[in-house]
């Protein structure tokens, strides 16, 4: 259990693994809190995300509300605001209002308390999710994104994807860059059909790949 005393803060740093997708699941459990403000911030060189839990006399909002704000280039953008549940867990999903790439970035997690009474946390947990595996390496040829290698025993080998195939679209998303291809592939569901349009020897064809 982590206990913060008035005007206290704690921090920890970590590198966001390049092998995982951009989705982070955060679980925050507070044993008791009703006064002032608790803030959790996730910061890196590109910007920072601030989650504020407001109690009585909080300067950031009404008691019992939770606000999420993203800051980038000195610009603050409200992302989410909701009423916290008093009887159980509250789950919210949101996306950052930016194309900020978290892969390989070093993050600092800070927990701060603005209150005249201590606050105890029984859970602060961050989970990053591995993207589905297709078992291929991509490359570029001019403006095209092509398959540079297909790994043995992979989903792409099972779907008969070949080295040199050009990616035209993935699940309805047109592929115009390597970054766009990686994003579209990363958003595919694990074990679910992923529909690709490829071009091989000048002919387009539709292939279904099931990532592992």
Foldseek 3Di string as FASTA:
>chain_A
DDKDAAFDKDKDKDWAALQFDPDKDKDWAWPDDAAEKKWKKKDFPFWMKIKIAHHPPYPPDYHQKIWIWIDGPNDIDTWDMDGADPPDHDDDDTDDPDPDDRHRTMIMIMITGNGNGMIDIPDTDMDTGGFFDQQFDWDDDVQWIFTQGHDPPGQCVVQVHDGGKTWQAKQPHGDGDPVVVVVSRRPDDAQDWIWTWIADPRDIDIITTHTD
